[in-house]
Amino acid sequence: PRCNSKQCELPTDCNVCGLQLISSPHLVRSYHHILPVPQFTEMAVDESQTQTLQCFGCQTTLNTLKRLMEKCPKCNHCFCIECNVFIHESLHNCPGCMSAVGAI
């Protein structure tokens, strides 16, 4: 830390200067709370046309009149509701945004 004291355990607060100390794995595990995945928007379906789209996450072909499809506002990829839940609750990264050129 700033005070150059030595610590034996992480995460902890420095006894000298009070700075919160964490390891890089702890930071990575909590990173998704800092920059969460944006909420996906429900796709508007024209009922006069039957569209067949593919979920970008699981590659399942879905009929938009029968299944709820949602779209990422950043990359505009379509996802089924199961993949949407998995992305927001477990993965914490949009596969479409992460696969974009220059994302890494």
PDB file of N, CA and C in Angstrom:
ATOM      1  N   PRO A   1       0.825  -1.214   0.000  1.00  0.00           N
ATOM      2  CA  PRO A   1       0.000   0.000   0.000  1.00  0.00           C
ATOM      3  C   PRO A   1       0.862   1.268   0.000  1.00  0.00           C
ATOM      4  N   ARG A   2       0.194   2.396   0.059  1.00  0.00           N
ATOM      5  CA  ARG A   2       0.883   3.690   0.022  1.00  0.00           C
ATOM      6  C   ARG A   2       1.901   3.833   1.136  1.00  0.00           C
ATOM      7  N   CYS A   3       1.599   3.249   2.278  1.00  0.00           N
ATOM      8  CA  CYS A   3       2.449   3.413   3.463  1.00  0.00           C
ATOM      9  C   CYS A   3       3.611   2.421   3.491  1.00  0.00           C
ATOM     10  N   ASN A   4       3.688   1.527   2.494  1.00  0.00           N
ATOM     11  CA  ASN A   4       4.744   0.519   2.376  1.00  0.00           C
ATOM     12  C   ASN A   4       4.747  -0.507   3.502  1.00  0.00           C
ATOM     13  N   SER A   5       3.638  -0.690   4.197  1.00  0.00           N
ATOM     14  CA  SER A   5       3.576  -1.727   5.227  1.00  0.00           C
ATOM     15  C   SER A   5       3.336  -3.083   4.567  1.00  0.00           C
ATOM     16  N   LYS A   6       3.631  -4.135   5.251  1.00  0.00           N
ATOM     17  CA  LYS A   6       3.477  -5.493   4.721  1.00  0.00           C
ATOM     18  C   LYS A   6       2.198  -6.114   5.271  1.00  0.00           C
ATOM     19  N   GLN A   7       1.481  -6.841   4.395  1.00  0.00           N
ATOM     20  CA  GLN A   7       0.243  -7.523   4.770  1.00  0.00           C
ATOM     21  C   GLN A   7       0.389  -8.999   4.433  1.00  0.00           C
ATOM     22  N   CYS A   8      -0.140  -9.857   5.263  1.00  0.00           N
ATOM     23  CA  CYS A   8      -0.037 -11.306   5.063  1.00  0.00           C
ATOM     24  C   CYS A   8      -1.252 -11.899   4.375  1.00  0.00           C
ATOM     25  N   GLU A   9      -2.408 -11.238   4.453  1.00  0.00           N
ATOM     26  CA  GLU A   9      -3.641 -11.788   3.897  1.00  0.00           C
ATOM     27  C   GLU A   9      -4.351 -10.759   3.038  1.00  0.00           C
ATOM     28  N   LEU A  10      -5.054 -11.260   2.030  1.00  0.00           N
ATOM     29  CA  LEU A  10      -5.920 -10.430   1.188  1.00  0.00           C
ATOM     30  C   LEU A  10      -7.254 -11.135   1.071  1.00  0.00           C
ATOM     31  N   PRO A  11      -8.354 -10.495   0.966  1.00  0.00           N
ATOM     32  CA  PRO A  11      -8.570  -9.053   1.067  1.00  0.00           C
ATOM     33  C   PRO A  11      -8.563  -8.577   2.524  1.00  0.00           C
ATOM     34  N   THR A  12      -8.136  -7.369   2.721  1.00  0.00           N
ATOM     35  CA  THR A  12      -8.092  -6.765   4.052  1.00  0.00           C
ATOM     36  C   THR A  12      -7.949  -5.256   3.913  1.00  0.00           C
ATOM     37  N   ASP A  13      -8.021  -4.565   5.021  1.00  0.00           N
ATOM     38  CA  ASP A  13      -7.730  -3.132   5.063  1.00  0.00           C
ATOM     39  C   ASP A  13      -6.367  -2.960   5.715  1.00  0.00           C
ATOM     40  N   CYS A  14      -5.590  -2.014   5.202  1.00  0.00           N
ATOM     41  CA  CYS A  14      -4.274  -1.736   5.769  1.00  0.00           C
ATOM     42  C   CYS A  14      -4.446  -1.191   7.186  1.00  0.00           C
ATOM     43  N   ASN A  15      -3.704  -1.766   8.128  1.00  0.00           N
ATOM     44  CA  ASN A  15      -3.773  -1.317   9.525  1.00  0.00           C
ATOM     45  C   ASN A  15      -3.187   0.073   9.716  1.00  0.00           C
ATOM     46  N   VAL A  16      -2.284   0.480   8.831  1.00  0.00           N
ATOM     47  CA  VAL A  16      -1.603   1.762   8.973  1.00  0.00           C
ATOM     48  C   VAL A  16      -2.381   2.891   8.298  1.00  0.00           C
ATOM     49  N   CYS A  17      -2.668   2.753   6.984  1.00  0.00           N
ATOM     50  CA  CYS A  17      -3.293   3.858   6.246  1.00  0.00           C
ATOM     51  C   CYS A  17      -4.783   3.652   5.963  1.00  0.00           C
ATOM     52  N   GLY A  18      -5.324   2.460   6.228  1.00  0.00           N
ATOM     53  CA  GLY A  18      -6.748   2.218   6.045  1.00  0.00           C
ATOM     54  C   GLY A  18      -7.160   1.899   4.613  1.00  0.00           C
ATOM     55  N   LEU A  19      -6.198   1.760   3.681  1.00  0.00           N
ATOM     56  CA  LEU A  19      -6.493   1.461   2.290  1.00  0.00           C
ATOM     57  C   LEU A  19      -7.019   0.031   2.165  1.00  0.00           C
ATOM     58  N   GLN A  20      -8.063  -0.154   1.380  1.00  0.00           N
ATOM     59  CA  GLN A  20      -8.605  -1.495   1.166  1.00  0.00           C
ATOM     60  C   GLN A  20      -7.710  -2.222   0.170  1.00  0.00           C
ATOM     61  N   LEU A  21      -7.253  -3.398   0.540  1.00  0.00           N
ATOM     62  CA  LEU A  21      -6.336  -4.179  -0.280  1.00  0.00           C
ATOM     63  C   LEU A  21      -7.036  -5.437  -0.767  1.00  0.00           C
ATOM     64  N   ILE A  22      -6.977  -5.675  -2.082  1.00  0.00           N
ATOM     65  CA  ILE A  22      -7.563  -6.883  -2.658  1.00  0.00           C
ATOM     66  C   ILE A  22      -6.606  -7.443  -3.701  1.00  0.00           C
ATOM     67  N   SER A  23      -6.737  -8.723  -3.978  1.00  0.00           N
ATOM     68  CA  SER A  23      -5.915  -9.362  -5.003  1.00  0.00           C
ATOM     69  C   SER A  23      -6.595  -9.226  -6.361  1.00  0.00           C
ATOM     70  N   SER A  24      -5.847  -9.441  -7.421  1.00  0.00           N
ATOM     71  CA  SER A  24      -6.421  -9.315  -8.760  1.00  0.00           C
ATOM     72  C   SER A  24      -7.554 -10.318  -9.015  1.00  0.00           C
ATOM     73  N   PRO A  25      -7.487 -11.580  -8.530  1.00  0.00           N
ATOM     74  CA  PRO A  25      -8.641 -12.473  -8.724  1.00  0.00           C
ATOM     75  C   PRO A  25      -9.915 -11.967  -8.042  1.00  0.00           C
ATOM     76  N   HIS A  26      -9.774 -11.351  -6.864  1.00  0.00           N
ATOM     77  CA  HIS A  26     -10.953 -10.789  -6.206  1.00  0.00           C
ATOM     78  C   HIS A  26     -11.529  -9.637  -7.029  1.00  0.00           C
ATOM     79  N   LEU A  27     -10.669  -8.839  -7.617  1.00  0.00           N
ATOM     80  CA  LEU A  27     -11.120  -7.727  -8.446  1.00  0.00           C
ATOM     81  C   LEU A  27     -11.860  -8.223  -9.679  1.00  0.00           C
ATOM     82  N   VAL A  28     -11.331  -9.253 -10.324  1.00  0.00           N
ATOM     83  CA  VAL A  28     -11.967  -9.806 -11.514  1.00  0.00           C
ATOM     84  C   VAL A  28     -13.345 -10.364 -11.183  1.00  0.00           C
ATOM     85  N   ARG A  29     -13.483 -11.048 -10.049  1.00  0.00           N
ATOM     86  CA  ARG A  29     -14.773 -11.623  -9.662  1.00  0.00           C
ATOM     87  C   ARG A  29     -15.828 -10.566  -9.399  1.00  0.00           C
ATOM     88  N   SER A  30     -15.427  -9.384  -8.981  1.00  0.00           N
ATOM     89  CA  SER A  30     -16.397  -8.332  -8.671  1.00  0.00           C
ATOM     90  C   SER A  30     -16.537  -7.316  -9.790  1.00  0.00           C
ATOM     91  N   TYR A  31     -15.800  -7.471 -10.873  1.00  0.00           N
ATOM     92  CA  TYR A  31     -15.793  -6.491 -11.960  1.00  0.00           C
ATOM     93  C   TYR A  31     -17.158  -6.331 -12.623  1.00  0.00           C
ATOM     94  N   HIS A  32     -17.932  -7.405 -12.736  1.00  0.00           N
ATOM     95  CA  HIS A  32     -19.225  -7.324 -13.419  1.00  0.00           C
ATOM     96  C   HIS A  32     -20.213  -6.409 -12.697  1.00  0.00           C
ATOM     97  N   HIS A  33     -19.991  -6.128 -11.418  1.00  0.00           N
ATOM     98  CA  HIS A  33     -20.871  -5.206 -10.709  1.00  0.00           C
ATOM     99  C   HIS A  33     -20.569  -3.759 -11.073  1.00  0.00           C
ATOM    100  N   ILE A  34     -19.340  -3.493 -11.505  1.00  0.00           N
ATOM    101  CA  ILE A  34     -18.941  -2.146 -11.881  1.00  0.00           C
ATOM    102  C   ILE A  34     -19.485  -1.783 -13.257  1.00  0.00           C
ATOM    103  N   LEU A  35     -19.347  -2.693 -14.213  1.00  0.00           N
ATOM    104  CA  LEU A  35     -19.830  -2.471 -15.579  1.00  0.00           C
ATOM    105  C   LEU A  35     -20.777  -3.607 -15.975  1.00  0.00           C
ATOM    106  N   PRO A  36     -22.045  -3.542 -15.576  1.00  0.00           N
ATOM    107  CA  PRO A  36     -22.964  -4.643 -15.882  1.00  0.00           C
ATOM    108  C   PRO A  36     -23.329  -4.689 -17.362  1.00  0.00           C
ATOM    109  N   VAL A  37     -23.792  -5.846 -17.812  1.00  0.00           N
ATOM    110  CA  VAL A  37     -24.271  -6.013 -19.180  1.00  0.00           C
ATOM    111  C   VAL A  37     -25.549  -5.186 -19.329  1.00  0.00           C
ATOM    112  N   PRO A  38     -25.683  -4.403 -20.406  1.00  0.00           N
ATOM    113  CA  PRO A  38     -26.909  -3.605 -20.567  1.00  0.00           C
ATOM    114  C   PRO A  38     -28.132  -4.511 -20.717  1.00  0.00           C
ATOM    115  N   GLN A  39     -29.271  -4.032 -20.266  1.00  0.00           N
ATOM    116  CA  GLN A  39     -30.504  -4.802 -20.405  1.00  0.00           C
ATOM    117  C   GLN A  39     -30.864  -4.921 -21.885  1.00  0.00           C
ATOM    118  N   PHE A  40     -31.205  -6.125 -22.309  1.00  0.00           N
ATOM    119  CA  PHE A  40     -31.576  -6.360 -23.693  1.00  0.00           C
ATOM    120  C   PHE A  40     -32.990  -5.852 -23.936  1.00  0.00           C
ATOM    121  N   THR A  41     -33.274  -5.476 -25.167  1.00  0.00           N
ATOM    122  CA  THR A  41     -34.602  -4.969 -25.522  1.00  0.00           C
ATOM    123  C   THR A  41     -35.368  -6.051 -26.276  1.00  0.00           C
ATOM    124  N   GLU A  42     -36.646  -6.134 -25.985  1.00  0.00           N
ATOM    125  CA  GLU A  42     -37.486  -7.116 -26.661  1.00  0.00           C
ATOM    126  C   GLU A  42     -37.636  -6.722 -28.120  1.00  0.00           C
ATOM    127  N   MET A  43     -37.541  -7.706 -28.987  1.00  0.00           N
ATOM    128  CA  MET A  43     -37.629  -7.431 -30.420  1.00  0.00           C
ATOM    129  C   MET A  43     -39.079  -7.282 -30.829  1.00  0.00           C
ATOM    130  N   ALA A  44     -39.357  -6.231 -31.571  1.00  0.00           N
ATOM    131  CA  ALA A  44     -40.706  -6.023 -32.110  1.00  0.00           C
ATOM    132  C   ALA A  44     -40.916  -6.995 -33.266  1.00  0.00           C
ATOM    133  N   VAL A  45     -42.051  -7.681 -33.249  1.00  0.00           N
ATOM    134  CA  VAL A  45     -42.350  -8.681 -34.269  1.00  0.00           C
ATOM    135  C   VAL A  45     -43.538  -8.216 -35.093  1.00  0.00           C
ATOM    136  N   ASP A  46     -43.355  -8.212 -36.404  1.00  0.00           N
ATOM    137  CA  ASP A  46     -44.449  -7.905 -37.319  1.00  0.00           C
ATOM    138  C   ASP A  46     -45.240  -9.194 -37.513  1.00  0.00           C
ATOM    139  N   GLU A  47     -46.475  -9.219 -37.001  1.00  0.00           N
ATOM    140  CA  GLU A  47     -47.257 -10.459 -37.018  1.00  0.00           C
ATOM    141  C   GLU A  47     -47.658 -10.896 -38.422  1.00  0.00           C
ATOM    142  N   SER A  48     -47.577 -10.002 -39.413  1.00  0.00           N
ATOM    143  CA  SER A  48     -47.912 -10.389 -40.776  1.00  0.00           C
ATOM    144  C   SER A  48     -46.775 -11.181 -41.421  1.00  0.00           C
ATOM    145  N   GLN A  49     -45.568 -11.083 -40.848  1.00  0.00           N
ATOM    146  CA  GLN A  49     -44.423 -11.823 -41.374  1.00  0.00           C
ATOM    147  C   GLN A  49     -43.904 -12.778 -40.305  1.00  0.00           C
ATOM    148  N   THR A  50     -43.659 -14.000 -40.700  1.00  0.00           N
ATOM    149  CA  THR A  50     -43.066 -14.966 -39.792  1.00  0.00           C
ATOM    150  C   THR A  50     -41.563 -14.938 -40.015  1.00  0.00           C
ATOM    151  N   GLN A  51     -40.831 -14.511 -38.991  1.00  0.00           N
ATOM    152  CA  GLN A  51     -39.390 -14.445 -39.101  1.00  0.00           C
ATOM    153  C   GLN A  51     -38.763 -15.628 -38.367  1.00  0.00           C
ATOM    154  N   THR A  52     -37.703 -16.139 -38.931  1.00  0.00           N
ATOM    155  CA  THR A  52     -36.931 -17.172 -38.262  1.00  0.00           C
ATOM    156  C   THR A  52     -35.544 -16.602 -38.032  1.00  0.00           C
ATOM    157  N   LEU A  53     -35.153 -16.511 -36.770  1.00  0.00           N
ATOM    158  CA  LEU A  53     -33.855 -15.966 -36.397  1.00  0.00           C
ATOM    159  C   LEU A  53     -33.071 -17.010 -35.625  1.00  0.00           C
ATOM    160  N   GLN A  54     -31.770 -16.789 -35.541  1.00  0.00           N
ATOM    161  CA  GLN A  54     -30.902 -17.702 -34.801  1.00  0.00           C
ATOM    162  C   GLN A  54     -30.370 -16.974 -33.573  1.00  0.00           C
ATOM    163  N   CYS A  55     -30.463 -17.634 -32.430  1.00  0.00           N
ATOM    164  CA  CYS A  55     -29.922 -17.080 -31.192  1.00  0.00           C
ATOM    165  C   CYS A  55     -28.398 -17.054 -31.303  1.00  0.00           C
ATOM    166  N   PHE A  56     -27.801 -15.900 -31.033  1.00  0.00           N
ATOM    167  CA  PHE A  56     -26.349 -15.772 -31.138  1.00  0.00           C
ATOM    168  C   PHE A  56     -25.644 -16.572 -30.050  1.00  0.00           C
ATOM    169  N   GLY A  57     -26.301 -16.817 -28.936  1.00  0.00           N
ATOM    170  CA  GLY A  57     -25.685 -17.539 -27.832  1.00  0.00           C
ATOM    171  C   GLY A  57     -25.654 -19.036 -28.026  1.00  0.00           C
ATOM    172  N   CYS A  58     -26.807 -19.639 -28.264  1.00  0.00           N
ATOM    173  CA  CYS A  58     -26.885 -21.103 -28.346  1.00  0.00           C
ATOM    174  C   CYS A  58     -27.070 -21.626 -29.769  1.00  0.00           C
ATOM    175  N   GLN A  59     -27.188 -20.723 -30.715  1.00  0.00           N
ATOM    176  CA  GLN A  59     -27.328 -21.062 -32.136  1.00  0.00           C
ATOM    177  C   GLN A  59     -28.620 -21.807 -32.459  1.00  0.00           C
ATOM    178  N   THR A  60     -29.610 -21.724 -31.583  1.00  0.00           N
ATOM    179  CA  THR A  60     -30.899 -22.363 -31.825  1.00  0.00           C
ATOM    180  C   THR A  60     -31.706 -21.504 -32.788  1.00  0.00           C
ATOM    181  N   THR A  61     -32.323 -22.129 -33.762  1.00  0.00           N
ATOM    182  CA  THR A  61     -33.186 -21.415 -34.696  1.00  0.00           C
ATOM    183  C   THR A  61     -34.547 -21.261 -34.044  1.00  0.00           C
ATOM    184  N   LEU A  62     -35.017 -20.023 -33.954  1.00  0.00           N
ATOM    185  CA  LEU A  62     -36.265 -19.736 -33.266  1.00  0.00           C
ATOM    186  C   LEU A  62     -37.211 -18.946 -34.146  1.00  0.00           C
ATOM    187  N   ASN A  63     -38.463 -19.286 -34.044  1.00  0.00           N
ATOM    188  CA  ASN A  63     -39.513 -18.536 -34.722  1.00  0.00           C
ATOM    189  C   ASN A  63     -39.921 -17.409 -33.783  1.00  0.00           C
ATOM    190  N   THR A  64     -39.845 -16.164 -34.239  1.00  0.00           N
ATOM    191  CA  THR A  64     -40.106 -15.021 -33.364  1.00  0.00           C
ATOM    192  C   THR A  64     -41.556 -14.935 -32.912  1.00  0.00           C
ATOM    193  N   LEU A  65     -42.471 -15.588 -33.607  1.00  0.00           N
ATOM    194  CA  LEU A  65     -43.869 -15.562 -33.177  1.00  0.00           C
ATOM    195  C   LEU A  65     -44.117 -16.533 -32.023  1.00  0.00           C
ATOM    196  N   LYS A  66     -43.252 -17.519 -31.867  1.00  0.00           N
ATOM    197  CA  LYS A  66     -43.452 -18.532 -30.841  1.00  0.00           C
ATOM    198  C   LYS A  66     -42.574 -18.341 -29.617  1.00  0.00           C
ATOM    199  N   ARG A  67     -41.417 -17.720 -29.765  1.00  0.00           N
ATOM    200  CA  ARG A  67     -40.479 -17.575 -28.652  1.00  0.00           C
ATOM    201  C   ARG A  67     -40.069 -16.118 -28.497  1.00  0.00           C
ATOM    202  N   LEU A  68     -39.847 -15.730 -27.279  1.00  0.00           N
ATOM    203  CA  LEU A  68     -39.409 -14.372 -26.983  1.00  0.00           C
ATOM    204  C   LEU A  68     -37.940 -14.214 -27.367  1.00  0.00           C
ATOM    205  N   MET A  69     -37.650 -13.220 -28.174  1.00  0.00           N
ATOM    206  CA  MET A  69     -36.281 -12.913 -28.576  1.00  0.00           C
ATOM    207  C   MET A  69     -35.941 -11.517 -28.095  1.00  0.00           C
ATOM    208  N   GLU A  70     -34.719 -11.347 -27.645  1.00  0.00           N
ATOM    209  CA  GLU A  70     -34.273 -10.041 -27.186  1.00  0.00           C
ATOM    210  C   GLU A  70     -32.971  -9.693 -27.873  1.00  0.00           C
ATOM    211  N   LYS A  71     -32.689  -8.401 -27.955  1.00  0.00           N
ATOM    212  CA  LYS A  71     -31.536  -7.921 -28.703  1.00  0.00           C
ATOM    213  C   LYS A  71     -30.648  -7.064 -27.817  1.00  0.00           C
ATOM    214  N   CYS A  72     -29.342  -7.252 -27.937  1.00  0.00           N
ATOM    215  CA  CYS A  72     -28.381  -6.431 -27.209  1.00  0.00           C
ATOM    216  C   CYS A  72     -28.348  -5.046 -27.849  1.00  0.00           C
ATOM    217  N   PRO A  73     -28.477  -3.973 -27.064  1.00  0.00           N
ATOM    218  CA  PRO A  73     -28.483  -2.633 -27.645  1.00  0.00           C
ATOM    219  C   PRO A  73     -27.119  -2.204 -28.192  1.00  0.00           C
ATOM    220  N   LYS A  74     -26.037  -2.857 -27.770  1.00  0.00           N
ATOM    221  CA  LYS A  74     -24.705  -2.469 -28.251  1.00  0.00           C
ATOM    222  C   LYS A  74     -24.320  -3.173 -29.553  1.00  0.00           C
ATOM    223  N   CYS A  75     -24.450  -4.500 -29.590  1.00  0.00           N
ATOM    224  CA  CYS A  75     -23.996  -5.256 -30.765  1.00  0.00           C
ATOM    225  C   CYS A  75     -25.135  -5.642 -31.708  1.00  0.00           C
ATOM    226  N   ASN A  76     -26.385  -5.486 -31.261  1.00  0.00           N
ATOM    227  CA  ASN A  76     -27.585  -5.809 -32.042  1.00  0.00           C
ATOM    228  C   ASN A  76     -27.728  -7.288 -32.385  1.00  0.00           C
ATOM    229  N   HIS A  77     -27.078  -8.169 -31.631  1.00  0.00           N
ATOM    230  CA  HIS A  77     -27.267  -9.607 -31.819  1.00  0.00           C
ATOM    231  C   HIS A  77     -28.514 -10.041 -31.057  1.00  0.00           C
ATOM    232  N   CYS A  78     -29.196 -11.059 -31.600  1.00  0.00           N
ATOM    233  CA  CYS A  78     -30.427 -11.578 -31.000  1.00  0.00           C
ATOM    234  C   CYS A  78     -30.101 -12.751 -30.073  1.00  0.00           C
ATOM    235  N   PHE A  79     -30.845 -12.842 -28.965  1.00  0.00           N
ATOM    236  CA  PHE A  79     -30.668 -13.916 -27.994  1.00  0.00           C
ATOM    237  C   PHE A  79     -32.035 -14.430 -27.559  1.00  0.00           C
ATOM    238  N   CYS A  80     -32.116 -15.739 -27.292  1.00  0.00           N
ATOM    239  CA  CYS A  80     -33.331 -16.308 -26.727  1.00  0.00           C
ATOM    240  C   CYS A  80     -33.388 -15.930 -25.251  1.00  0.00           C
ATOM    241  N   ILE A  81     -34.530 -16.141 -24.626  1.00  0.00           N
ATOM    242  CA  ILE A  81     -34.708 -15.743 -23.228  1.00  0.00           C
ATOM    243  C   ILE A  81     -33.804 -16.541 -22.297  1.00  0.00           C
ATOM    244  N   GLU A  82     -33.550 -17.816 -22.613  1.00  0.00           N
ATOM    245  CA  GLU A  82     -32.680 -18.636 -21.773  1.00  0.00           C
ATOM    246  C   GLU A  82     -31.246 -18.104 -21.796  1.00  0.00           C
ATOM    247  N   CYS A  83     -30.762 -17.735 -22.970  1.00  0.00           N
ATOM    248  CA  CYS A  83     -29.408 -17.177 -23.075  1.00  0.00           C
ATOM    249  C   CYS A  83     -29.339 -15.800 -22.422  1.00  0.00           C
ATOM    250  N   ASN A  84     -30.403 -15.020 -22.534  1.00  0.00           N
ATOM    251  CA  ASN A  84     -30.449 -13.704 -21.896  1.00  0.00           C
ATOM    252  C   ASN A  84     -30.289 -13.849 -20.384  1.00  0.00           C
ATOM    253  N   VAL A  85     -31.010 -14.779 -19.799  1.00  0.00           N
ATOM    254  CA  VAL A  85     -30.911 -15.009 -18.351  1.00  0.00           C
ATOM    255  C   VAL A  85     -29.506 -15.475 -17.985  1.00  0.00           C
ATOM    256  N   PHE A  86     -28.942 -16.402 -18.760  1.00  0.00           N
ATOM    257  CA  PHE A  86     -27.598 -16.903 -18.494  1.00  0.00           C
ATOM    258  C   PHE A  86     -26.560 -15.778 -18.595  1.00  0.00           C
ATOM    259  N   ILE A  87     -26.688 -14.922 -19.600  1.00  0.00           N
ATOM    260  CA  ILE A  87     -25.741 -13.816 -19.798  1.00  0.00           C
ATOM    261  C   ILE A  87     -25.791 -12.845 -18.628  1.00  0.00           C
ATOM    262  N   HIS A  88     -26.989 -12.473 -18.194  1.00  0.00           N
ATOM    263  CA  HIS A  88     -27.112 -11.464 -17.151  1.00  0.00           C
ATOM    264  C   HIS A  88     -26.860 -11.996 -15.742  1.00  0.00           C
ATOM    265  N   GLU A  89     -27.146 -13.273 -15.481  1.00  0.00           N
ATOM    266  CA  GLU A  89     -27.008 -13.804 -14.130  1.00  0.00           C
ATOM    267  C   GLU A  89     -25.719 -14.575 -13.885  1.00  0.00           C
ATOM    268  N   SER A  90     -25.123 -15.150 -14.925  1.00  0.00           N
ATOM    269  CA  SER A  90     -23.937 -15.987 -14.723  1.00  0.00           C
ATOM    270  C   SER A  90     -22.708 -15.506 -15.494  1.00  0.00           C
ATOM    271  N   LEU A  91     -22.879 -15.261 -16.775  1.00  0.00           N
ATOM    272  CA  LEU A  91     -21.733 -14.945 -17.628  1.00  0.00           C
ATOM    273  C   LEU A  91     -21.227 -13.518 -17.427  1.00  0.00           C
ATOM    274  N   HIS A  92     -22.120 -12.570 -17.290  1.00  0.00           N
ATOM    275  CA  HIS A  92     -21.813 -11.157 -17.062  1.00  0.00           C
ATOM    276  C   HIS A  92     -21.061 -10.493 -18.206  1.00  0.00           C
ATOM    277  N   ASN A  93     -21.103 -11.086 -19.392  1.00  0.00           N
ATOM    278  CA  ASN A  93     -20.538 -10.503 -20.610  1.00  0.00           C
ATOM    279  C   ASN A  93     -21.414 -10.906 -21.778  1.00  0.00           C
ATOM    280  N   CYS A  94     -21.663  -9.984 -22.692  1.00  0.00           N
ATOM    281  CA  CYS A  94     -22.427 -10.306 -23.891  1.00  0.00           C
ATOM    282  C   CYS A  94     -21.500 -10.979 -24.892  1.00  0.00           C
ATOM    283  N   PRO A  95     -21.824 -12.199 -25.360  1.00  0.00           N
ATOM    284  CA  PRO A  95     -20.976 -12.884 -26.338  1.00  0.00           C
ATOM    285  C   PRO A  95     -20.856 -12.104 -27.646  1.00  0.00           C
ATOM    286  N   GLY A  96     -21.913 -11.419 -28.048  1.00  0.00           N
ATOM    287  CA  GLY A  96     -21.871 -10.625 -29.267  1.00  0.00           C
ATOM    288  C   GLY A  96     -20.920  -9.456 -29.159  1.00  0.00           C
ATOM    289  N   CYS A  97     -20.966  -8.763 -28.041  1.00  0.00           N
ATOM    290  CA  CYS A  97     -20.056  -7.627 -27.821  1.00  0.00           C
ATOM    291  C   CYS A  97     -18.615  -8.102 -27.687  1.00  0.00           C
ATOM    292  N   MET A  98     -18.415  -9.237 -27.013  1.00  0.00           N
ATOM    293  CA  MET A  98     -17.059  -9.756 -26.814  1.00  0.00           C
ATOM    294  C   MET A  98     -16.447 -10.294 -28.109  1.00  0.00           C
ATOM    295  N   SER A  99     -17.279 -10.732 -29.057  1.00  0.00           N
ATOM    296  CA  SER A  99     -16.759 -11.270 -30.312  1.00  0.00           C
ATOM    297  C   SER A  99     -16.571 -10.207 -31.380  1.00  0.00           C
ATOM    298  N   ALA A 100     -16.945  -8.962 -31.080  1.00  0.00           N
ATOM    299  CA  ALA A 100     -16.797  -7.883 -32.049  1.00  0.00           C
ATOM    300  C   ALA A 100     -15.322  -7.594 -32.283  1.00  0.00           C
ATOM    301  N   VAL A 101     -14.998  -7.149 -33.483  1.00  0.00           N
ATOM    302  CA  VAL A 101     -13.612  -6.817 -33.824  1.00  0.00           C
ATOM    303  C   VAL A 101     -13.142  -5.668 -32.925  1.00  0.00           C
ATOM    304  N   GLY A 102     -12.001  -5.849 -32.322  1.00  0.00           N
ATOM    305  CA  GLY A 102     -11.431  -4.820 -31.451  1.00  0.00           C
ATOM    306  C   GLY A 102     -11.992  -4.820 -30.047  1.00  0.00           C
ATOM    307  N   ALA A 103     -12.763  -5.851 -29.665  1.00  0.00           N
ATOM    308  CA  ALA A 103     -13.364  -5.906 -28.331  1.00  0.00           C
ATOM    309  C   ALA A 103     -12.330  -6.244 -27.260  1.00  0.00           C
ATOM    310  N   ILE A 104     -11.308  -6.980 -27.633  1.00  0.00           N
ATOM    311  CA  ILE A 104     -10.313  -7.401 -26.639  1.00  0.00           C
ATOM    312  C   ILE A 104      -9.093  -6.523 -26.716  1.00  0.00           C
TER     313      ILE A 104
END
